[in-house]
C-alpha atoms as a PDB file:
ATOM      1  CA  MET A   1     -27.302  89.315-121.465  1.00  0.00           C
ATOM      2  CA  ALA A   2     -29.192  91.723-119.381  1.00  0.00           C
ATOM      3  CA  VAL A   3     -26.545  91.773-116.403  1.00  0.00           C
ATOM      4  CA  MET A   4     -24.052  92.552-119.050  1.00  0.00           C
ATOM      5  CA  LEU A   5     -25.741  95.450-120.547  1.00  0.00           C
ATOM      6  CA  SER A   6     -26.398  96.708-117.054  1.00  0.00           C
ATOM      7  CA  SER A   7     -22.738  96.519-116.014  1.00  0.00           C
ATOM      8  CA  LEU A   8     -21.771  98.428-118.961  1.00  0.00           C
ATOM      9  CA  ALA A   9     -24.582 101.092-118.834  1.00  0.00           C
ATOM     10  CA  LYS A  10     -24.065 104.591-117.521  1.00  0.00           C
ATOM     11  CA  LYS A  11     -26.335 105.151-114.318  1.00  0.00           C
ATOM     12  CA  GLY A  12     -28.097 108.003-112.647  1.00  0.00           C
ATOM     13  CA  VAL A  13     -27.685 111.364-113.592  1.00  0.00           C
ATOM     14  CA  SER A  14     -24.620 111.311-116.244  1.00  0.00           C
ATOM     15  CA  LYS A  15     -22.885 113.552-118.731  1.00  0.00           C
ATOM     16  CA  HIS A  16     -21.471 112.336-122.059  1.00  0.00           C
ATOM     17  CA  ALA A  17     -18.027 112.892-123.276  1.00  0.00           C
ATOM     18  CA  THR A  18     -19.447 115.495-125.811  1.00  0.00           C
ATOM     19  CA  GLY A  19     -21.295 117.566-122.766  1.00  0.00           C
ATOM     20  CA  PHE A  20     -24.816 116.595-122.753  1.00  0.00           C
ATOM     21  CA  SER A  21     -26.532 115.066-119.801  1.00  0.00           C
ATOM     22  CA  PHE A  22     -29.188 112.411-119.673  1.00  0.00           C
ATOM     23  CA  THR A  23     -31.109 110.447-116.845  1.00  0.00           C
ATOM     24  CA  GLN A  24     -33.247 107.351-116.677  1.00  0.00           C
ATOM     25  CA  SER A  25     -36.837 108.198-117.304  1.00  0.00           C
ATOM     26  CA  PRO A  26     -39.433 106.467-115.090  1.00  0.00           C
ATOM     27  CA  CYS A  27     -40.678 104.385-118.119  1.00  0.00           C
ATOM     28  CA  GLY A  28     -37.357 103.144-118.462  1.00  0.00           C
ATOM     29  CA  GLY A  29     -35.999 105.052-121.442  1.00  0.00           C
ATOM     30  CA  LEU A  30     -33.346 107.874-121.354  1.00  0.00           C
ATOM     31  CA  ALA A  31     -34.138 111.382-121.082  1.00  0.00           C
ATOM     32  CA  LEU A  32     -32.238 113.811-122.621  1.00  0.00           C
ATOM     33  CA  ALA A  33     -32.017 117.021-124.612  1.00  0.00           C
ATOM     34  CA  ILE A  34     -31.735 116.766-128.791  1.00  0.00           C
ATOM     35  CA  ASN A  35     -30.154 120.283-129.977  1.00  0.00           C
ATOM     36  CA  GLY A  36     -32.172 121.931-127.006  1.00  0.00           C
ATOM     37  CA  GLU A  37     -35.549 119.932-127.492  1.00  0.00           C
ATOM     38  CA  ALA A  38     -36.388 117.779-124.356  1.00  0.00           C
ATOM     39  CA  ALA A  39     -36.973 113.869-125.545  1.00  0.00           C
ATOM     40  CA  VAL A  40     -37.423 110.464-124.177  1.00  0.00           C
ATOM     41  CA  LEU A  41     -35.794 107.470-125.832  1.00  0.00           C
ATOM     42  CA  ARG A  42     -38.344 104.843-125.222  1.00  0.00           C
ATOM     43  CA  VAL A  43     -37.485 100.919-124.681  1.00  0.00           C
ATOM     44  CA  SER A  44     -39.720 100.420-127.474  1.00  0.00           C
ATOM     45  CA  GLY A  45     -37.245 102.344-129.810  1.00  0.00           C
ATOM     46  CA  ALA A  46     -39.696 105.104-130.278  1.00  0.00           C
ATOM     47  CA  LEU A  47     -38.887 108.418-129.748  1.00  0.00           C
ATOM     48  CA  TRP A  48     -40.973 110.908-127.356  1.00  0.00           C
ATOM     49  CA  LEU A  49     -40.949 114.547-127.726  1.00  0.00           C
ATOM     50  CA  PRO A  50     -42.898 115.900-124.653  1.00  0.00           C
ATOM     51  CA  ALA A  51     -43.079 119.676-125.646  1.00  0.00           C
ATOM     52  CA  HIS A  52     -44.706 118.735-129.154  1.00  0.00           C
ATOM     53  CA  ARG A  53     -46.826 115.829-127.729  1.00  0.00           C
ATOM     54  CA  ALA A  54     -44.974 113.641-130.729  1.00  0.00           C
ATOM     55  CA  LEU A  55     -44.442 110.203-130.827  1.00  0.00           C
ATOM     56  CA  ILE A  56     -42.008 109.263-133.541  1.00  0.00           C
ATOM     57  CA  VAL A  57     -41.029 105.723-135.183  1.00  0.00           C
ATOM     58  CA  ALA A  58     -38.634 104.969-137.899  1.00  0.00           C
ATOM     59  CA  ASP A  59     -38.301 102.032-140.272  1.00  0.00           C
ATOM     60  CA  LEU A  60     -41.406  99.904-139.509  1.00  0.00           C
ATOM     61  CA  HIS A  61     -40.931  97.997-143.028  1.00  0.00           C
ATOM     62  CA  PHE A  62     -44.789  96.613-142.976  1.00  0.00           C
ATOM     63  CA  GLU A  63     -44.879  93.588-144.942  1.00  0.00           C
ATOM     64  CA  LYS A  64     -41.509  92.731-145.140  1.00  0.00           C
ATOM     65  CA  GLY A  65     -42.376  89.069-144.640  1.00  0.00           C
ATOM     66  CA  SER A  66     -44.974  89.009-147.374  1.00  0.00           C
ATOM     67  CA  ALA A  67     -42.188  90.775-149.658  1.00  0.00           C
ATOM     68  CA  TYR A  68     -39.881  87.844-149.016  1.00  0.00           C
ATOM     69  CA  ALA A  69     -42.431  85.186-149.065  1.00  0.00           C
ATOM     70  CA  ALA A  70     -43.121  86.419-152.746  1.00  0.00           C
ATOM     71  CA  ARG A  71     -39.378  85.530-153.582  1.00  0.00           C
ATOM     72  CA  GLY A  72     -39.703  82.049-152.016  1.00  0.00           C
ATOM     73  CA  GLN A  73     -37.934  83.197-148.757  1.00  0.00           C
ATOM     74  CA  LEU A  74     -41.002  81.857-146.175  1.00  0.00           C
ATOM     75  CA  LEU A  75     -40.530  83.864-143.004  1.00  0.00           C
ATOM     76  CA  PRO A  76     -43.806  83.941-140.659  1.00  0.00           C
ATOM     77  CA  PRO A  77     -46.380  86.431-142.317  1.00  0.00           C
ATOM     78  CA  TYR A  78     -46.798  88.175-138.756  1.00  0.00           C
ATOM     79  CA  ASP A  79     -44.396  90.862-138.895  1.00  0.00           C
ATOM     80  CA  THR A  80     -46.991  93.466-139.731  1.00  0.00           C
ATOM     81  CA  ARG A  81     -49.189  92.444-136.898  1.00  0.00           C
ATOM     82  CA  GLU A  82     -46.564  92.427-134.379  1.00  0.00           C
ATOM     83  CA  THR A  83     -45.217  95.864-135.244  1.00  0.00           C
ATOM     84  CA  LEU A  84     -48.800  97.095-134.948  1.00  0.00           C
ATOM     85  CA  THR A  85     -49.385  95.697-131.539  1.00  0.00           C
ATOM     86  CA  ARG A  86     -45.972  97.117-130.455  1.00  0.00           C
ATOM     87  CA  LEU A  87     -46.966 100.638-131.864  1.00  0.00           C
ATOM     88  CA  GLU A  88     -50.550 100.615-130.437  1.00  0.00           C
ATOM     89  CA  ARG A  89     -49.030 100.015-127.047  1.00  0.00           C
ATOM     90  CA  GLU A  90     -46.741 103.106-127.501  1.00  0.00           C
ATOM     91  CA  VAL A  91     -49.606 105.060-128.562  1.00  0.00           C
ATOM     92  CA  ALA A  92     -51.633 103.917-125.466  1.00  0.00           C
ATOM     93  CA  ALA A  93     -48.975 104.963-123.286  1.00  0.00           C
ATOM     94  CA  THR A  94     -47.923 108.273-124.547  1.00  0.00           C
ATOM     95  CA  THR A  95     -51.416 109.531-126.060  1.00  0.00           C
ATOM     96  CA  PRO A  96     -49.589 111.557-128.760  1.00  0.00           C
ATOM     97  CA  GLU A  97     -51.139 114.616-130.370  1.00  0.00           C
ATOM     98  CA  GLN A  98     -48.702 114.059-133.393  1.00  0.00           C
ATOM     99  CA  LEU A  99     -47.701 110.369-134.683  1.00  0.00           C
ATOM    100  CA  VAL A 100     -44.708 110.399-137.310  1.00  0.00           C
ATOM    101  CA  PHE A 101     -43.498 107.555-139.416  1.00  0.00           C
ATOM    102  CA  LEU A 102     -39.988 108.115-140.118  1.00  0.00           C
ATOM    103  CA  GLY A 103     -39.892 106.971-143.662  1.00  0.00           C
ATOM    104  CA  ASP A 104     -39.767 103.034-144.739  1.00  0.00           C
ATOM    105  CA  SER A 105     -43.164 102.544-143.317  1.00  0.00           C
ATOM    106  CA  PHE A 106     -43.756  99.912-145.937  1.00  0.00           C
ATOM    107  CA  HIS A 107     -40.931  97.637-147.091  1.00  0.00           C
ATOM    108  CA  ASP A 108     -41.967  98.560-150.986  1.00  0.00           C
ATOM    109  CA  GLY A 109     -44.363 100.532-152.991  1.00  0.00           C
ATOM    110  CA  ALA A 110     -47.168  97.351-153.271  1.00  0.00           C
ATOM    111  CA  ALA A 111     -46.901  96.374-149.633  1.00  0.00           C
ATOM    112  CA  GLU A 112     -50.091  98.586-148.778  1.00  0.00           C
ATOM    113  CA  ALA A 113     -52.147  96.896-151.191  1.00  0.00           C
ATOM    114  CA  ARG A 114     -50.874  93.671-149.434  1.00  0.00           C
ATOM    115  CA  LEU A 115     -51.937  94.479-145.838  1.00  0.00           C
ATOM    116  CA  ASP A 116     -54.336  92.215-144.242  1.00  0.00           C
ATOM    117  CA  THR A 117     -58.193  94.001-143.767  1.00  0.00           C
ATOM    118  CA  ASP A 118     -57.676  93.750-140.207  1.00  0.00           C
ATOM    119  CA  ASP A 119     -54.009  95.651-140.247  1.00  0.00           C
ATOM    120  CA  PHE A 120     -55.244  97.862-142.571  1.00  0.00           C
ATOM    121  CA  ALA A 121     -58.121  99.051-140.357  1.00  0.00           C
ATOM    122  CA  ARG A 122     -55.810  99.018-137.266  1.00  0.00           C
ATOM    123  CA  LEU A 123     -53.575 101.258-139.204  1.00  0.00           C
ATOM    124  CA  ALA A 124     -55.996 103.632-140.030  1.00  0.00           C
ATOM    125  CA  ALA A 125     -57.096 103.759-136.456  1.00  0.00           C
ATOM    126  CA  LEU A 126     -54.119 105.260-135.248  1.00  0.00           C
ATOM    127  CA  ALA A 127     -55.107 108.459-137.042  1.00  0.00           C
ATOM    128  CA  ALA A 128     -57.997 108.927-134.907  1.00  0.00           C
ATOM    129  CA  GLY A 129     -57.817 111.712-132.833  1.00  0.00           C
ATOM    130  CA  ARG A 130     -54.228 112.833-133.664  1.00  0.00           C
ATOM    131  CA  ARG A 131     -52.168 114.154-136.706  1.00  0.00           C
ATOM    132  CA  LEU A 132     -50.664 111.352-138.324  1.00  0.00           C
ATOM    133  CA  ILE A 133     -47.526 112.112-140.490  1.00  0.00           C
ATOM    134  CA  TRP A 134     -46.076 109.820-143.268  1.00  0.00           C
ATOM    135  CA  ALA A 135     -41.950 110.808-143.863  1.00  0.00           C
ATOM    136  CA  VAL A 136     -41.414 109.298-147.146  1.00  0.00           C
ATOM    137  CA  GLY A 137     -37.983 106.892-147.454  1.00  0.00           C
ATOM    138  CA  ASN A 138     -36.298 105.119-149.901  1.00  0.00           C
ATOM    139  CA  HIS A 139     -38.557 101.891-149.772  1.00  0.00           C
ATOM    140  CA  ASP A 140     -41.891 104.127-149.802  1.00  0.00           C
ATOM    141  CA  ALA A 141     -41.183 107.169-151.772  1.00  0.00           C
ATOM    142  CA  ASP A 142     -44.422 107.986-152.627  1.00  0.00           C
ATOM    143  CA  GLY A 143     -46.261 107.176-149.389  1.00  0.00           C
ATOM    144  CA  PRO A 144     -49.422 105.327-148.584  1.00  0.00           C
ATOM    145  CA  ASP A 145     -52.297 105.559-151.306  1.00  0.00           C
ATOM    146  CA  ALA A 146     -55.423 104.938-149.147  1.00  0.00           C
ATOM    147  CA  LEU A 147     -54.593 105.350-145.781  1.00  0.00           C
ATOM    148  CA  PRO A 148     -55.231 108.587-143.731  1.00  0.00           C
ATOM    149  CA  GLY A 149     -52.488 111.138-142.627  1.00  0.00           C
ATOM    150  CA  ALA A 150     -50.186 113.813-144.291  1.00  0.00           C
ATOM    151  CA  ILE A 151     -47.206 112.641-146.504  1.00  0.00           C
ATOM    152  CA  VAL A 152     -44.070 115.259-146.032  1.00  0.00           C
ATOM    153  CA  ASP A 153     -40.410 114.598-147.017  1.00  0.00           C
ATOM    154  CA  THR A 154     -39.327 116.598-143.786  1.00  0.00           C
ATOM    155  CA  LEU A 155     -40.955 117.876-140.664  1.00  0.00           C
ATOM    156  CA  THR A 156     -39.663 120.674-138.316  1.00  0.00           C
ATOM    157  CA  LEU A 157     -40.774 120.499-134.667  1.00  0.00           C
ATOM    158  CA  GLY A 158     -39.162 123.308-132.710  1.00  0.00           C
ATOM    159  CA  GLY A 159     -35.327 122.981-133.015  1.00  0.00           C
ATOM    160  CA  LEU A 160     -35.304 119.675-134.710  1.00  0.00           C
ATOM    161  CA  VAL A 161     -35.760 118.615-138.450  1.00  0.00           C
ATOM    162  CA  LEU A 162     -37.218 115.247-138.947  1.00  0.00           C
ATOM    163  CA  ARG A 163     -36.285 112.962-142.121  1.00  0.00           C
ATOM    164  CA  HIS A 164     -35.959 109.830-143.207  1.00  0.00           C
ATOM    165  CA  GLU A 165     -32.277 109.353-144.233  1.00  0.00           C
ATOM    166  CA  PRO A 166     -29.498 111.470-142.728  1.00  0.00           C
ATOM    167  CA  LEU A 167     -27.580 113.969-144.396  1.00  0.00           C
ATOM    168  CA  ASP A 168     -23.771 114.022-144.721  1.00  0.00           C
ATOM    169  CA  GLY A 169     -21.818 116.011-142.366  1.00  0.00           C
ATOM    170  CA  PRO A 170     -22.842 117.620-139.106  1.00  0.00           C
ATOM    171  CA  ARG A 171     -26.601 118.520-138.872  1.00  0.00           C
ATOM    172  CA  PRO A 172     -27.486 119.845-135.464  1.00  0.00           C
ATOM    173  CA  GLY A 173     -31.077 119.278-134.851  1.00  0.00           C
ATOM    174  CA  GLU A 174     -31.565 116.641-137.487  1.00  0.00           C
ATOM    175  CA  VAL A 175     -33.795 113.113-136.181  1.00  0.00           C
ATOM    176  CA  ALA A 176     -33.440 110.515-138.792  1.00  0.00           C
ATOM    177  CA  GLY A 177     -33.737 106.623-139.224  1.00  0.00           C
ATOM    178  CA  HIS A 178     -32.809 104.772-142.433  1.00  0.00           C
ATOM    179  CA  LEU A 179     -29.480 103.312-140.993  1.00  0.00           C
ATOM    180  CA  HIS A 180     -31.088 100.881-138.460  1.00  0.00           C
ATOM    181  CA  PRO A 181     -28.611 101.435-135.925  1.00  0.00           C
ATOM    182  CA  ALA A 182     -27.383  98.459-133.528  1.00  0.00           C
ATOM    183  CA  ALA A 183     -24.937  98.366-130.959  1.00  0.00           C
ATOM    184  CA  LYS A 184     -22.705  95.230-130.058  1.00  0.00           C
ATOM    185  CA  ILE A 185     -21.142  95.446-126.519  1.00  0.00           C
ATOM    186  CA  ALA A 186     -18.396  93.368-125.429  1.00  0.00           C
ATOM    187  CA  GLY A 187     -17.937  92.311-121.952  1.00  0.00           C
ATOM    188  CA  ARG A 188     -16.801  89.576-119.262  1.00  0.00           C
ATOM    189  CA  GLY A 189     -20.094  87.794-119.748  1.00  0.00           C
ATOM    190  CA  GLY A 190     -19.466  87.651-123.671  1.00  0.00           C
ATOM    191  CA  ARG A 191     -21.192  89.919-126.367  1.00  0.00           C
ATOM    192  CA  VAL A 192     -24.680  91.207-127.058  1.00  0.00           C
ATOM    193  CA  ARG A 193     -26.041  93.002-129.964  1.00  0.00           C
ATOM    194  CA  ARG A 194     -28.927  95.186-129.786  1.00  0.00           C
ATOM    195  CA  ARG A 195     -31.083  97.884-131.845  1.00  0.00           C
ATOM    196  CA  CYS A 196     -29.972 101.018-130.398  1.00  0.00           C
ATOM    197  CA  PHE A 197     -30.815 105.028-130.702  1.00  0.00           C
ATOM    198  CA  LEU A 198     -27.283 106.742-131.666  1.00  0.00           C
ATOM    199  CA  THR A 199     -26.568 110.345-130.479  1.00  0.00           C
ATOM    200  CA  ASP A 200     -24.279 113.388-129.518  1.00  0.00           C
ATOM    201  CA  GLY A 201     -26.822 115.621-128.311  1.00  0.00           C
ATOM    202  CA  GLU A 202     -27.337 117.518-131.455  1.00  0.00           C
ATOM    203  CA  ARG A 203     -28.425 115.078-133.766  1.00  0.00           C
ATOM    204  CA  LEU A 204     -30.125 111.763-133.469  1.00  0.00           C
ATOM    205  CA  VAL A 205     -30.755 108.447-135.562  1.00  0.00           C
ATOM    206  CA  LEU A 206     -33.280 105.981-134.377  1.00  0.00           C
ATOM    207  CA  PRO A 207     -33.580 102.373-134.450  1.00  0.00           C
ATOM    208  CA  ALA A 208     -35.929 100.493-136.623  1.00  0.00           C
ATOM    209  CA  PHE A 209     -39.349  99.766-135.080  1.00  0.00           C
ATOM    210  CA  GLY A 210     -40.263  96.988-137.329  1.00  0.00           C
ATOM    211  CA  ALA A 211     -40.156  93.363-136.438  1.00  0.00           C
ATOM    212  CA  TYR A 212     -38.107  92.218-139.405  1.00  0.00           C
ATOM    213  CA  ALA A 213     -35.979  95.293-139.807  1.00  0.00           C
ATOM    214  CA  GLY A 214     -32.895  94.253-138.278  1.00  0.00           C
ATOM    215  CA  GLY A 215     -29.661  96.425-137.600  1.00  0.00           C
ATOM    216  CA  LEU A 216     -26.465  97.762-138.939  1.00  0.00           C
ATOM    217  CA  ASN A 217     -23.629  97.968-136.458  1.00  0.00           C
ATOM    218  CA  VAL A 218     -22.990 101.602-135.325  1.00  0.00           C
ATOM    219  CA  ARG A 219     -19.074 101.155-136.131  1.00  0.00           C
ATOM    220  CA  ASP A 220     -20.079 100.543-139.648  1.00  0.00           C
ATOM    221  CA  ALA A 221     -18.765 103.105-142.209  1.00  0.00           C
ATOM    222  CA  ALA A 222     -22.463 104.218-142.801  1.00  0.00           C
ATOM    223  CA  PHE A 223     -22.063 106.137-139.400  1.00  0.00           C
ATOM    224  CA  ALA A 224     -18.836 107.822-140.194  1.00  0.00           C
ATOM    225  CA  GLY A 225     -19.041 111.699-140.017  1.00  0.00           C
ATOM    226  CA  LEU A 226     -22.374 111.959-138.900  1.00  0.00           C
ATOM    227  CA  PHE A 227     -21.400 113.120-135.302  1.00  0.00           C
ATOM    228  CA  THR A 228     -18.673 115.789-134.635  1.00  0.00           C
ATOM    229  CA  GLY A 229     -17.322 113.439-131.174  1.00  0.00           C
ATOM    230  CA  ARG A 230     -17.844 110.036-130.233  1.00  0.00           C
ATOM    231  CA  PRO A 231     -21.688 109.346-129.820  1.00  0.00           C
ATOM    232  CA  LEU A 232     -23.434 107.553-127.167  1.00  0.00           C
ATOM    233  CA  ALA A 233     -25.020 104.216-128.201  1.00  0.00           C
ATOM    234  CA  ALA A 234     -28.821 104.120-126.202  1.00  0.00           C
ATOM    235  CA  ALA A 235     -29.182 100.285-126.503  1.00  0.00           C
ATOM    236  CA  LEU A 236     -32.754  98.895-126.079  1.00  0.00           C
ATOM    237  CA  GLY A 237     -33.099  96.342-123.309  1.00  0.00           C
ATOM    238  CA  ALA A 238     -36.020  94.308-122.089  1.00  0.00           C
ATOM    239  CA  GLU A 239     -37.251  96.805-119.460  1.00  0.00           C
ATOM    240  CA  ARG A 240     -34.866  99.881-120.150  1.00  0.00           C
ATOM    241  CA  VAL A 241     -32.376 101.417-122.464  1.00  0.00           C
ATOM    242  CA  HIS A 242     -29.170 101.392-121.477  1.00  0.00           C
ATOM    243  CA  ALA A 243     -26.477 104.339-122.280  1.00  0.00           C
ATOM    244  CA  ILE A 244     -23.503 102.837-123.735  1.00  0.00           C
ATOM    245  CA  GLY A 245     -20.156 104.589-124.169  1.00  0.00           C
ATOM    246  CA  TRP A 246     -18.271 104.372-127.306  1.00  0.00           C
ATOM    247  CA  THR A 247     -15.324 102.306-126.327  1.00  0.00           C
ATOM    248  CA  SER A 248     -17.524  99.685-125.266  1.00  0.00           C
ATOM    249  CA  LEU A 249     -18.841  98.959-128.506  1.00  0.00           C
ATOM    250  CA  VAL A 250     -17.156  96.560-130.750  1.00  0.00           C
ATOM    251  CA  ARG A 251     -17.528  95.563-134.603  1.00  0.00           C
ATOM    252  CA  ASP A 252     -19.550  92.634-135.968  1.00  0.00           C
END
């Protein structure tokens, strides 16, 4: 699978069909500009904005496993712990001054109350020494109750406007989550499906960061009209982000 991703990925300093350039970052991510703001699309699925020292993750869906268990679907109840571990790793690697959760941080309105005591403490500790910001989403419209941090609908960072759900039509500078983009790639070795970023250099949709969050194929109608041209899929590999052109992407 990694071989197929590498063979389809654009290498070196590249220019997308819509005119924006990107390079491979030393961390394995893709470095590019979104509406003029320097950004790194990290292998974890997190977005790093160096000028603002901001680390942004979308769709954490904490306690999705326990929500499913309450309905009789018994998934391993470790999704919150796994998501937190990956998030802590990203915070340690980037030392952000701002940590932004871009909506649907909790899978439902009661999820915060279901957090294990240790998981609650780990989540609260992420606010230490930095600004923690919770953008509300459709799954967590009121934001957290007892955890620290500021609750917002939108957040502006330079030329970017961060919100949970992308608005219809062209929106230069919008950074959103909600849609859980995933790229399905066809090649000589078969087909591979990976979570991905989706961008045309003007706006960006982040992949879901949560362990159980899943993904929606970027060729689904839900993405139609968001981009003025054919966007680039930045697919998450094991060690690096792979820039995949639109024509290499297939439907489910």
